[in-house]
C-alpha atoms as a PDB file:
ATOM      1  CA  UNK A   1      42.263 109.725  20.480  1.00  0.00           C
ATOM      2  CA  UNK A   2      45.481 107.581  21.191  1.00  0.00           C
ATOM      3  CA  UNK A   3      48.496 110.099  20.571  1.00  0.00           C
ATOM      4  CA  UNK A   4      50.844 107.996  18.587  1.00  0.00           C
ATOM      5  CA  UNK A   5      53.628 110.752  18.551  1.00  0.00           C
ATOM      6  CA  UNK A   6      57.135 108.840  18.071  1.00  0.00           C
ATOM      7  CA  UNK A   7      55.820 106.058  16.174  1.00  0.00           C
ATOM      8  CA  UNK A   8      57.010 104.825  12.711  1.00  0.00           C
ATOM      9  CA  UNK A   9      54.582 102.656  10.787  1.00  0.00           C
ATOM     10  CA  UNK A  10      55.163 100.847   7.659  1.00  0.00           C
ATOM     11  CA  UNK A  11      51.701  99.656   5.461  1.00  0.00           C
ATOM     12  CA  UNK A  12      52.873  97.765   2.297  1.00  0.00           C
ATOM     13  CA  UNK A  13      49.821  97.772  -0.136  1.00  0.00           C
ATOM     14  CA  UNK A  14      49.704  95.617  -2.551  1.00  0.00           C
ATOM     15  CA  UNK A  15      47.981  97.048  -6.391  1.00  0.00           C
ATOM     16  CA  UNK A  16      46.455  93.841  -7.207  1.00  0.00           C
ATOM     17  CA  UNK A  17      45.324  93.173  -3.844  1.00  0.00           C
ATOM     18  CA  UNK A  18      41.528  92.628  -4.108  1.00  0.00           C
ATOM     19  CA  UNK A  19      40.913  91.610  -0.785  1.00  0.00           C
ATOM     20  CA  UNK A  20      42.104  94.719   1.163  1.00  0.00           C
ATOM     21  CA  UNK A  21      40.348  98.230   1.072  1.00  0.00           C
ATOM     22  CA  UNK A  22      42.509 101.616   0.617  1.00  0.00           C
ATOM     23  CA  UNK A  23      45.351 101.760   2.945  1.00  0.00           C
ATOM     24  CA  UNK A  24      45.047 105.448   2.461  1.00  0.00           C
ATOM     25  CA  UNK A  25      42.494 105.604   4.854  1.00  0.00           C
ATOM     26  CA  UNK A  26      44.672 103.967   7.550  1.00  0.00           C
ATOM     27  CA  UNK A  27      47.396 106.042   6.403  1.00  0.00           C
ATOM     28  CA  UNK A  28      45.892 109.100   7.054  1.00  0.00           C
ATOM     29  CA  UNK A  29      44.038 108.077  10.524  1.00  0.00           C
ATOM     30  CA  UNK A  30      48.005 106.854  11.791  1.00  0.00           C
ATOM     31  CA  UNK A  31      48.727 110.541  10.582  1.00  0.00           C
ATOM     32  CA  UNK A  32      45.895 112.402  12.312  1.00  0.00           C
ATOM     33  CA  UNK A  33      47.444 110.825  15.568  1.00  0.00           C
ATOM     34  CA  UNK A  34      51.136 111.940  15.059  1.00  0.00           C
ATOM     35  CA  UNK A  35      52.666 108.658  13.306  1.00  0.00           C
ATOM     36  CA  UNK A  36      55.098 108.772  11.156  1.00  0.00           C
ATOM     37  CA  UNK A  37      54.173 106.568   8.256  1.00  0.00           C
ATOM     38  CA  UNK A  38      55.514 104.926   5.567  1.00  0.00           C
ATOM     39  CA  UNK A  39      52.665 103.848   2.791  1.00  0.00           C
ATOM     40  CA  UNK A  40      54.038 102.176  -0.055  1.00  0.00           C
ATOM     41  CA  UNK A  41      52.221 100.472  -3.267  1.00  0.00           C
ATOM     42  CA  UNK A  42      53.872  97.545  -4.458  1.00  0.00           C
ATOM     43  CA  UNK A  43      53.200  95.819  -7.538  1.00  0.00           C
ATOM     44  CA  UNK A  44      51.643  92.572  -5.976  1.00  0.00           C
ATOM     45  CA  UNK A  45      48.580  91.056  -4.807  1.00  0.00           C
ATOM     46  CA  UNK A  46      47.222  89.984  -1.357  1.00  0.00           C
ATOM     47  CA  UNK A  47      49.664  87.618  -0.589  1.00  0.00           C
ATOM     48  CA  UNK A  48      52.784  88.143   1.167  1.00  0.00           C
ATOM     49  CA  UNK A  49      55.512  88.419  -1.441  1.00  0.00           C
ATOM     50  CA  UNK A  50      59.500  88.624  -1.283  1.00  0.00           C
ATOM     51  CA  UNK A  51      58.902  92.223  -2.606  1.00  0.00           C
ATOM     52  CA  UNK A  52      57.060  92.622   0.848  1.00  0.00           C
ATOM     53  CA  UNK A  53      60.036  90.798   3.013  1.00  0.00           C
ATOM     54  CA  UNK A  54      62.521  93.316   0.841  1.00  0.00           C
ATOM     55  CA  UNK A  55      61.110  96.034   1.322  1.00  0.00           C
ATOM     56  CA  UNK A  56      60.092  95.829   5.172  1.00  0.00           C
ATOM     57  CA  UNK A  57      63.635  94.296   5.945  1.00  0.00           C
ATOM     58  CA  UNK A  58      64.926  97.565   4.541  1.00  0.00           C
ATOM     59  CA  UNK A  59      62.533  99.656   6.295  1.00  0.00           C
ATOM     60  CA  UNK A  60      63.401  98.119   9.402  1.00  0.00           C
ATOM     61  CA  UNK A  61      66.970  98.913   9.036  1.00  0.00           C
ATOM     62  CA  UNK A  62      66.302 102.501   8.373  1.00  0.00           C
ATOM     63  CA  UNK A  63      63.647 103.081  10.408  1.00  0.00           C
ATOM     64  CA  UNK A  64      65.737 101.341  13.605  1.00  0.00           C
ATOM     65  CA  UNK A  65      69.103 101.353  12.702  1.00  0.00           C
ATOM     66  CA  UNK A  66      70.788 100.064  16.004  1.00  0.00           C
ATOM     67  CA  UNK A  67      68.408  96.920  16.650  1.00  0.00           C
ATOM     68  CA  UNK A  68      70.196  94.976  14.430  1.00  0.00           C
ATOM     69  CA  UNK A  69      73.765  95.667  16.101  1.00  0.00           C
ATOM     70  CA  UNK A  70      75.815  92.799  16.796  1.00  0.00           C
ATOM     71  CA  UNK A  71      73.644  90.604  14.588  1.00  0.00           C
ATOM     72  CA  UNK A  72      71.066  90.563  17.238  1.00  0.00           C
END
């Protein structure tokens, strides 16, 4: 079992997604390996949406605040 301590993971799960199963199983498996998981259910389907992009952008800024320093 790989150690994922220190890894930050965002899972965006569409409530209306009929193609992908329950993301909670993946989230719990990652947590069991030490990852810090933020698992969010959104009112969207399977396709990438503006909500996904907005949530991911906000999460990235919060999880890695120094990554965007100086506009990079």
